[in-house]
């Protein structure tokens, strides 16, 4: 993931040591100390996993019933 800041955004908000920013995976934004919000891209599956507190294996295990139903239909 990469959030791109303009030179002015970086100089105005990020250049000082110890600067704190807020990251919202849900909104896909990086909130700078001056209130500026910068959008960033995130893979939809990675976003889902982060928001739901699961990793790839836990996601697959949660789909066990659907996988079993598919296997039954497939024969």
PDB file of N, CA and C in Angstrom:
ATOM      1  N   UNK A   1       0.831  -1.169   0.000  1.00  0.00           N
ATOM      2  CA  UNK A   1       0.000   0.000   0.000  1.00  0.00           C
ATOM      3  C   UNK A   1       0.882   1.240   0.000  1.00  0.00           C
ATOM      4  N   UNK A   2       0.482   2.182  -0.774  1.00  0.00           N
ATOM      5  CA  UNK A   2       1.217   3.433  -0.817  1.00  0.00           C
ATOM      6  C   UNK A   2       0.237   4.586  -0.798  1.00  0.00           C
ATOM      7  N   UNK A   3       0.416   5.490   0.136  1.00  0.00           N
ATOM      8  CA  UNK A   3      -0.348   6.738   0.147  1.00  0.00           C
ATOM      9  C   UNK A   3       0.581   7.805  -0.412  1.00  0.00           C
ATOM     10  N   UNK A   4       0.127   8.488  -1.421  1.00  0.00           N
ATOM     11  CA  UNK A   4       0.967   9.503  -2.046  1.00  0.00           C
ATOM     12  C   UNK A   4       0.599  10.883  -1.500  1.00  0.00           C
ATOM     13  N   UNK A   5       1.602  11.558  -0.987  1.00  0.00           N
ATOM     14  CA  UNK A   5       1.416  12.911  -0.472  1.00  0.00           C
ATOM     15  C   UNK A   5       2.064  13.900  -1.414  1.00  0.00           C
ATOM     16  N   UNK A   6       1.422  15.041  -1.580  1.00  0.00           N
ATOM     17  CA  UNK A   6       2.061  16.095  -2.355  1.00  0.00           C
ATOM     18  C   UNK A   6       3.227  16.645  -1.534  1.00  0.00           C
ATOM     19  N   UNK A   7       4.104  17.358  -2.179  1.00  0.00           N
ATOM     20  CA  UNK A   7       5.240  17.958  -1.482  1.00  0.00           C
ATOM     21  C   UNK A   7       4.749  18.883  -0.376  1.00  0.00           C
ATOM     22  N   UNK A   8       3.697  19.664  -0.648  1.00  0.00           N
ATOM     23  CA  UNK A   8       3.162  20.579   0.359  1.00  0.00           C
ATOM     24  C   UNK A   8       2.579  19.822   1.546  1.00  0.00           C
ATOM     25  N   UNK A   9       1.851  18.712   1.279  1.00  0.00           N
ATOM     26  CA  UNK A   9       1.290  17.915   2.376  1.00  0.00           C
ATOM     27  C   UNK A   9       2.406  17.336   3.240  1.00  0.00           C
ATOM     28  N   UNK A  10       3.459  16.860   2.580  1.00  0.00           N
ATOM     29  CA  UNK A  10       4.571  16.280   3.323  1.00  0.00           C
ATOM     30  C   UNK A  10       5.269  17.341   4.168  1.00  0.00           C
ATOM     31  N   UNK A  11       5.597  18.445   3.558  1.00  0.00           N
ATOM     32  CA  UNK A  11       6.304  19.510   4.283  1.00  0.00           C
ATOM     33  C   UNK A  11       5.468  20.067   5.426  1.00  0.00           C
ATOM     34  N   UNK A  12       4.179  20.206   5.201  1.00  0.00           N
ATOM     35  CA  UNK A  12       3.320  20.813   6.201  1.00  0.00           C
ATOM     36  C   UNK A  12       2.944  19.894   7.346  1.00  0.00           C
ATOM     37  N   UNK A  13       2.946  18.594   7.115  1.00  0.00           N
ATOM     38  CA  UNK A  13       2.410  17.698   8.134  1.00  0.00           C
ATOM     39  C   UNK A  13       3.309  16.547   8.538  1.00  0.00           C
ATOM     40  N   UNK A  14       4.207  16.135   7.680  1.00  0.00           N
ATOM     41  CA  UNK A  14       4.931  14.897   7.930  1.00  0.00           C
ATOM     42  C   UNK A  14       6.419  15.084   8.195  1.00  0.00           C
ATOM     43  N   UNK A  15       6.959  16.250   7.920  1.00  0.00           N
ATOM     44  CA  UNK A  15       8.406  16.423   7.986  1.00  0.00           C
ATOM     45  C   UNK A  15       8.953  16.453   9.409  1.00  0.00           C
ATOM     46  N   UNK A  16       8.144  16.807  10.386  1.00  0.00           N
ATOM     47  CA  UNK A  16       8.626  16.920  11.771  1.00  0.00           C
ATOM     48  C   UNK A  16       8.745  15.536  12.415  1.00  0.00           C
ATOM     49  N   UNK A  17       9.821  15.303  13.179  1.00  0.00           N
ATOM     50  CA  UNK A  17       9.955  14.031  13.886  1.00  0.00           C
ATOM     51  C   UNK A  17       8.820  13.841  14.888  1.00  0.00           C
ATOM     52  N   UNK A  18       8.368  12.617  15.045  1.00  0.00           N
ATOM     53  CA  UNK A  18       7.335  12.292  16.013  1.00  0.00           C
ATOM     54  C   UNK A  18       5.920  12.625  15.588  1.00  0.00           C
ATOM     55  N   UNK A  19       5.731  12.967  14.335  1.00  0.00           N
ATOM     56  CA  UNK A  19       4.391  13.290  13.848  1.00  0.00           C
ATOM     57  C   UNK A  19       3.531  12.034  13.908  1.00  0.00           C
ATOM     58  N   UNK A  20       2.305  12.197  14.383  1.00  0.00           N
ATOM     59  CA  UNK A  20       1.369  11.079  14.431  1.00  0.00           C
ATOM     60  C   UNK A  20       0.305  11.282  13.375  1.00  0.00           C
ATOM     61  N   UNK A  21      -0.034  10.197  12.687  1.00  0.00           N
ATOM     62  CA  UNK A  21      -1.095  10.209  11.686  1.00  0.00           C
ATOM     63  C   UNK A  21      -2.090   9.123  12.053  1.00  0.00           C
ATOM     64  N   UNK A  22      -3.297   9.246  11.539  1.00  0.00           N
ATOM     65  CA  UNK A  22      -4.329   8.232  11.742  1.00  0.00           C
ATOM     66  C   UNK A  22      -4.601   7.554  10.417  1.00  0.00           C
ATOM     67  N   UNK A  23      -4.724   6.232  10.467  1.00  0.00           N
ATOM     68  CA  UNK A  23      -5.002   5.460   9.260  1.00  0.00           C
ATOM     69  C   UNK A  23      -6.361   4.790   9.427  1.00  0.00           C
ATOM     70  N   UNK A  24      -7.220   4.960   8.444  1.00  0.00           N
ATOM     71  CA  UNK A  24      -8.519   4.293   8.432  1.00  0.00           C
ATOM     72  C   UNK A  24      -8.543   3.324   7.257  1.00  0.00           C
ATOM     73  N   UNK A  25      -8.473   2.042   7.587  1.00  0.00           N
ATOM     74  CA  UNK A  25      -8.570   1.029   6.536  1.00  0.00           C
ATOM     75  C   UNK A  25      -9.981   1.036   5.959  1.00  0.00           C
ATOM     76  N   UNK A  26     -10.971   1.246   6.825  1.00  0.00           N
ATOM     77  CA  UNK A  26     -12.359   1.264   6.369  1.00  0.00           C
ATOM     78  C   UNK A  26     -12.591   2.351   5.328  1.00  0.00           C
ATOM     79  N   UNK A  27     -12.120   3.573   5.619  1.00  0.00           N
ATOM     80  CA  UNK A  27     -12.299   4.691   4.691  1.00  0.00           C
ATOM     81  C   UNK A  27     -11.177   4.807   3.670  1.00  0.00           C
ATOM     82  N   UNK A  28     -10.119   4.023   3.865  1.00  0.00           N
ATOM     83  CA  UNK A  28      -8.941   4.053   3.009  1.00  0.00           C
ATOM     84  C   UNK A  28      -8.326   5.445   2.978  1.00  0.00           C
ATOM     85  N   UNK A  29      -8.155   6.026   4.187  1.00  0.00           N
ATOM     86  CA  UNK A  29      -7.576   7.359   4.280  1.00  0.00           C
ATOM     87  C   UNK A  29      -6.473   7.408   5.327  1.00  0.00           C
ATOM     88  N   UNK A  30      -5.567   8.318   5.087  1.00  0.00           N
ATOM     89  CA  UNK A  30      -4.498   8.665   6.008  1.00  0.00           C
ATOM     90  C   UNK A  30      -4.808  10.094   6.446  1.00  0.00           C
ATOM     91  N   UNK A  31      -5.058  10.301   7.751  1.00  0.00           N
ATOM     92  CA  UNK A  31      -5.386  11.635   8.260  1.00  0.00           C
ATOM     93  C   UNK A  31      -4.132  12.275   8.828  1.00  0.00           C
ATOM     94  N   UNK A  32      -3.770  13.402   8.273  1.00  0.00           N
ATOM     95  CA  UNK A  32      -2.584  14.139   8.694  1.00  0.00           C
ATOM     96  C   UNK A  32      -2.920  15.050   9.874  1.00  0.00           C
ATOM     97  N   UNK A  33      -1.916  15.480  10.639  1.00  0.00           N
ATOM     98  CA  UNK A  33      -2.167  16.319  11.814  1.00  0.00           C
ATOM     99  C   UNK A  33      -2.951  17.600  11.525  1.00  0.00           C
ATOM    100  N   UNK A  34      -2.822  18.142  10.321  1.00  0.00           N
ATOM    101  CA  UNK A  34      -3.545  19.388  10.003  1.00  0.00           C
ATOM    102  C   UNK A  34      -4.984  19.139   9.556  1.00  0.00           C
ATOM    103  N   UNK A  35      -5.426  17.869   9.598  1.00  0.00           N
ATOM    104  CA  UNK A  35      -6.790  17.515   9.207  1.00  0.00           C
ATOM    105  C   UNK A  35      -6.930  17.063   7.770  1.00  0.00           C
ATOM    106  N   UNK A  36      -5.893  17.201   6.968  1.00  0.00           N
ATOM    107  CA  UNK A  36      -5.925  16.748   5.585  1.00  0.00           C
ATOM    108  C   UNK A  36      -6.056  15.229   5.559  1.00  0.00           C
ATOM    109  N   UNK A  37      -6.914  14.748   4.660  1.00  0.00           N
ATOM    110  CA  UNK A  37      -7.062  13.302   4.487  1.00  0.00           C
ATOM    111  C   UNK A  37      -6.592  12.926   3.086  1.00  0.00           C
ATOM    112  N   UNK A  38      -5.776  11.877   3.023  1.00  0.00           N
ATOM    113  CA  UNK A  38      -5.234  11.399   1.761  1.00  0.00           C
ATOM    114  C   UNK A  38      -5.742   9.984   1.541  1.00  0.00           C
ATOM    115  N   UNK A  39      -6.382   9.732   0.393  1.00  0.00           N
ATOM    116  CA  UNK A  39      -6.878   8.396   0.058  1.00  0.00           C
ATOM    117  C   UNK A  39      -5.715   7.499  -0.327  1.00  0.00           C
ATOM    118  N   UNK A  40      -5.841   6.194  -0.031  1.00  0.00           N
ATOM    119  CA  UNK A  40      -4.846   5.229  -0.480  1.00  0.00           C
ATOM    120  C   UNK A  40      -5.554   3.974  -0.965  1.00  0.00           C
ATOM    121  N   UNK A  41      -4.956   3.291  -1.941  1.00  0.00           N
ATOM    122  CA  UNK A  41      -5.571   2.064  -2.451  1.00  0.00           C
ATOM    123  C   UNK A  41      -5.236   0.881  -1.543  1.00  0.00           C
ATOM    124  N   UNK A  42      -6.127  -0.081  -1.500  1.00  0.00           N
ATOM    125  CA  UNK A  42      -5.873  -1.314  -0.776  1.00  0.00           C
ATOM    126  C   UNK A  42      -6.631  -2.437  -1.480  1.00  0.00           C
ATOM    127  N   UNK A  43      -6.008  -3.567  -1.585  1.00  0.00           N
ATOM    128  CA  UNK A  43      -6.638  -4.729  -2.200  1.00  0.00           C
ATOM    129  C   UNK A  43      -7.920  -5.058  -1.430  1.00  0.00           C
ATOM    130  N   UNK A  44      -9.037  -5.292  -2.130  1.00  0.00           N
ATOM    131  CA  UNK A  44     -10.305  -5.552  -1.436  1.00  0.00           C
ATOM    132  C   UNK A  44     -10.244  -6.735  -0.461  1.00  0.00           C
ATOM    133  N   UNK A  45      -9.567  -7.803  -0.828  1.00  0.00           N
ATOM    134  CA  UNK A  45      -9.479  -8.958   0.068  1.00  0.00           C
ATOM    135  C   UNK A  45      -8.647  -8.625   1.300  1.00  0.00           C
ATOM    136  N   UNK A  46      -7.545  -7.921   1.118  1.00  0.00           N
ATOM    137  CA  UNK A  46      -6.718  -7.512   2.253  1.00  0.00           C
ATOM    138  C   UNK A  46      -7.514  -6.590   3.169  1.00  0.00           C
ATOM    139  N   UNK A  47      -8.291  -5.700   2.590  1.00  0.00           N
ATOM    140  CA  UNK A  47      -9.135  -4.786   3.381  1.00  0.00           C
ATOM    141  C   UNK A  47     -10.151  -5.577   4.182  1.00  0.00           C
ATOM    142  N   UNK A  48     -10.803  -6.546   3.539  1.00  0.00           N
ATOM    143  CA  UNK A  48     -11.782  -7.394   4.228  1.00  0.00           C
ATOM    144  C   UNK A  48     -11.134  -8.104   5.414  1.00  0.00           C
ATOM    145  N   UNK A  49      -9.976  -8.698   5.183  1.00  0.00           N
ATOM    146  CA  UNK A  49      -9.281  -9.437   6.244  1.00  0.00           C
ATOM    147  C   UNK A  49      -8.905  -8.517   7.402  1.00  0.00           C
ATOM    148  N   UNK A  50      -8.381  -7.343   7.107  1.00  0.00           N
ATOM    149  CA  UNK A  50      -8.002  -6.403   8.162  1.00  0.00           C
ATOM    150  C   UNK A  50      -9.218  -5.941   8.966  1.00  0.00           C
ATOM    151  N   UNK A  51     -10.301  -5.623   8.281  1.00  0.00           N
ATOM    152  CA  UNK A  51     -11.490  -5.132   8.968  1.00  0.00           C
ATOM    153  C   UNK A  51     -12.176  -6.210   9.795  1.00  0.00           C
ATOM    154  N   UNK A  52     -12.002  -7.477   9.390  1.00  0.00           N
ATOM    155  CA  UNK A  52     -12.667  -8.565  10.092  1.00  0.00           C
ATOM    156  C   UNK A  52     -11.734  -9.360  10.993  1.00  0.00           C
ATOM    157  N   UNK A  53     -10.486  -8.945  11.061  1.00  0.00           N
ATOM    158  CA  UNK A  53      -9.536  -9.586  11.961  1.00  0.00           C
ATOM    159  C   UNK A  53      -9.238 -11.033  11.626  1.00  0.00           C
ATOM    160  N   UNK A  54      -9.199 -11.341  10.325  1.00  0.00           N
ATOM    161  CA  UNK A  54      -8.893 -12.708   9.906  1.00  0.00           C
ATOM    162  C   UNK A  54      -7.723 -12.705   8.935  1.00  0.00           C
ATOM    163  N   UNK A  55      -7.045 -13.839   8.861  1.00  0.00           N
ATOM    164  CA  UNK A  55      -6.015 -13.989   7.837  1.00  0.00           C
ATOM    165  C   UNK A  55      -6.585 -14.883   6.736  1.00  0.00           C
ATOM    166  N   UNK A  56      -5.774 -15.186   5.745  1.00  0.00           N
ATOM    167  CA  UNK A  56      -6.246 -15.952   4.598  1.00  0.00           C
ATOM    168  C   UNK A  56      -6.762 -17.328   4.996  1.00  0.00           C
ATOM    169  N   UNK A  57      -6.062 -18.005   5.894  1.00  0.00           N
ATOM    170  CA  UNK A  57      -6.475 -19.345   6.321  1.00  0.00           C
ATOM    171  C   UNK A  57      -7.792 -19.292   7.085  1.00  0.00           C
ATOM    172  N   UNK A  58      -7.924 -18.333   7.988  1.00  0.00           N
ATOM    173  CA  UNK A  58      -9.183 -18.206   8.724  1.00  0.00           C
ATOM    174  C   UNK A  58     -10.342 -17.916   7.777  1.00  0.00           C
ATOM    175  N   UNK A  59     -10.101 -17.115   6.740  1.00  0.00           N
ATOM    176  CA  UNK A  59     -11.144 -16.842   5.756  1.00  0.00           C
ATOM    177  C   UNK A  59     -11.561 -18.129   5.065  1.00  0.00           C
ATOM    178  N   UNK A  60     -10.574 -18.913   4.624  1.00  0.00           N
ATOM    179  CA  UNK A  60     -10.896 -20.177   3.951  1.00  0.00           C
ATOM    180  C   UNK A  60     -11.660 -21.124   4.867  1.00  0.00           C
ATOM    181  N   UNK A  61     -11.248 -21.211   6.117  1.00  0.00           N
ATOM    182  CA  UNK A  61     -11.943 -22.075   7.071  1.00  0.00           C
ATOM    183  C   UNK A  61     -13.375 -21.615   7.306  1.00  0.00           C
ATOM    184  N   UNK A  62     -13.629 -20.327   7.229  1.00  0.00           N
ATOM    185  CA  UNK A  62     -14.988 -19.812   7.403  1.00  0.00           C
ATOM    186  C   UNK A  62     -15.882 -20.160   6.215  1.00  0.00           C
ATOM    187  N   UNK A  63     -15.270 -20.553   5.116  1.00  0.00           N
ATOM    188  CA  UNK A  63     -16.019 -20.921   3.911  1.00  0.00           C
ATOM    189  C   UNK A  63     -16.227 -22.430   3.785  1.00  0.00           C
ATOM    190  N   UNK A  64     -15.928 -23.164   4.862  1.00  0.00           N
ATOM    191  CA  UNK A  64     -15.967 -24.633   4.822  1.00  0.00           C
ATOM    192  C   UNK A  64     -17.313 -25.172   4.349  1.00  0.00           C
ATOM    193  N   UNK A  65     -18.419 -24.636   4.831  1.00  0.00           N
ATOM    194  CA  UNK A  65     -19.745 -25.128   4.433  1.00  0.00           C
ATOM    195  C   UNK A  65     -19.986 -24.913   2.937  1.00  0.00           C
ATOM    196  N   UNK A  66     -19.629 -23.756   2.427  1.00  0.00           N
ATOM    197  CA  UNK A  66     -19.812 -23.473   1.001  1.00  0.00           C
ATOM    198  C   UNK A  66     -18.930 -24.375   0.153  1.00  0.00           C
ATOM    199  N   UNK A  67     -17.711 -24.636   0.615  1.00  0.00           N
ATOM    200  CA  UNK A  67     -16.802 -25.525  -0.116  1.00  0.00           C
ATOM    201  C   UNK A  67     -17.355 -26.943  -0.129  1.00  0.00           C
ATOM    202  N   UNK A  68     -17.861 -27.411   1.020  1.00  0.00           N
ATOM    203  CA  UNK A  68     -18.438 -28.762   1.098  1.00  0.00           C
ATOM    204  C   UNK A  68     -19.658 -28.881   0.186  1.00  0.00           C
ATOM    205  N   UNK A  69     -20.505 -27.859   0.157  1.00  0.00           N
ATOM    206  CA  UNK A  69     -21.685 -27.886  -0.730  1.00  0.00           C
ATOM    207  C   UNK A  69     -21.266 -27.938  -2.188  1.00  0.00           C
ATOM    208  N   UNK A  70     -20.246 -27.187  -2.544  1.00  0.00           N
ATOM    209  CA  UNK A  70     -19.728 -27.215  -3.910  1.00  0.00           C
ATOM    210  C   UNK A  70     -19.207 -28.605  -4.266  1.00  0.00           C
ATOM    211  N   UNK A  71     -18.476 -29.217  -3.353  1.00  0.00           N
ATOM    212  CA  UNK A  71     -17.930 -30.551  -3.605  1.00  0.00           C
ATOM    213  C   UNK A  71     -19.052 -31.577  -3.780  1.00  0.00           C
ATOM    214  N   UNK A  72     -20.132 -31.463  -3.009  1.00  0.00           N
ATOM    215  CA  UNK A  72     -21.268 -32.390  -3.141  1.00  0.00           C
ATOM    216  C   UNK A  72     -21.906 -32.232  -4.507  1.00  0.00           C
ATOM    217  N   UNK A  73     -22.136 -30.999  -4.952  1.00  0.00           N
ATOM    218  CA  UNK A  73     -22.742 -30.745  -6.266  1.00  0.00           C
ATOM    219  C   UNK A  73     -21.851 -31.267  -7.387  1.00  0.00           C
ATOM    220  N   UNK A  74     -20.567 -31.102  -7.211  1.00  0.00           N
ATOM    221  CA  UNK A  74     -19.608 -31.508  -8.232  1.00  0.00           C
ATOM    222  C   UNK A  74     -19.556 -33.021  -8.391  1.00  0.00           C
ATOM    223  N   UNK A  75     -19.868 -33.709  -7.315  1.00  0.00           N
ATOM    224  CA  UNK A  75     -19.934 -35.164  -7.351  1.00  0.00           C
ATOM    225  C   UNK A  75     -18.656 -35.789  -7.136  1.00  0.00           C
TER     226      UNK A  75
END
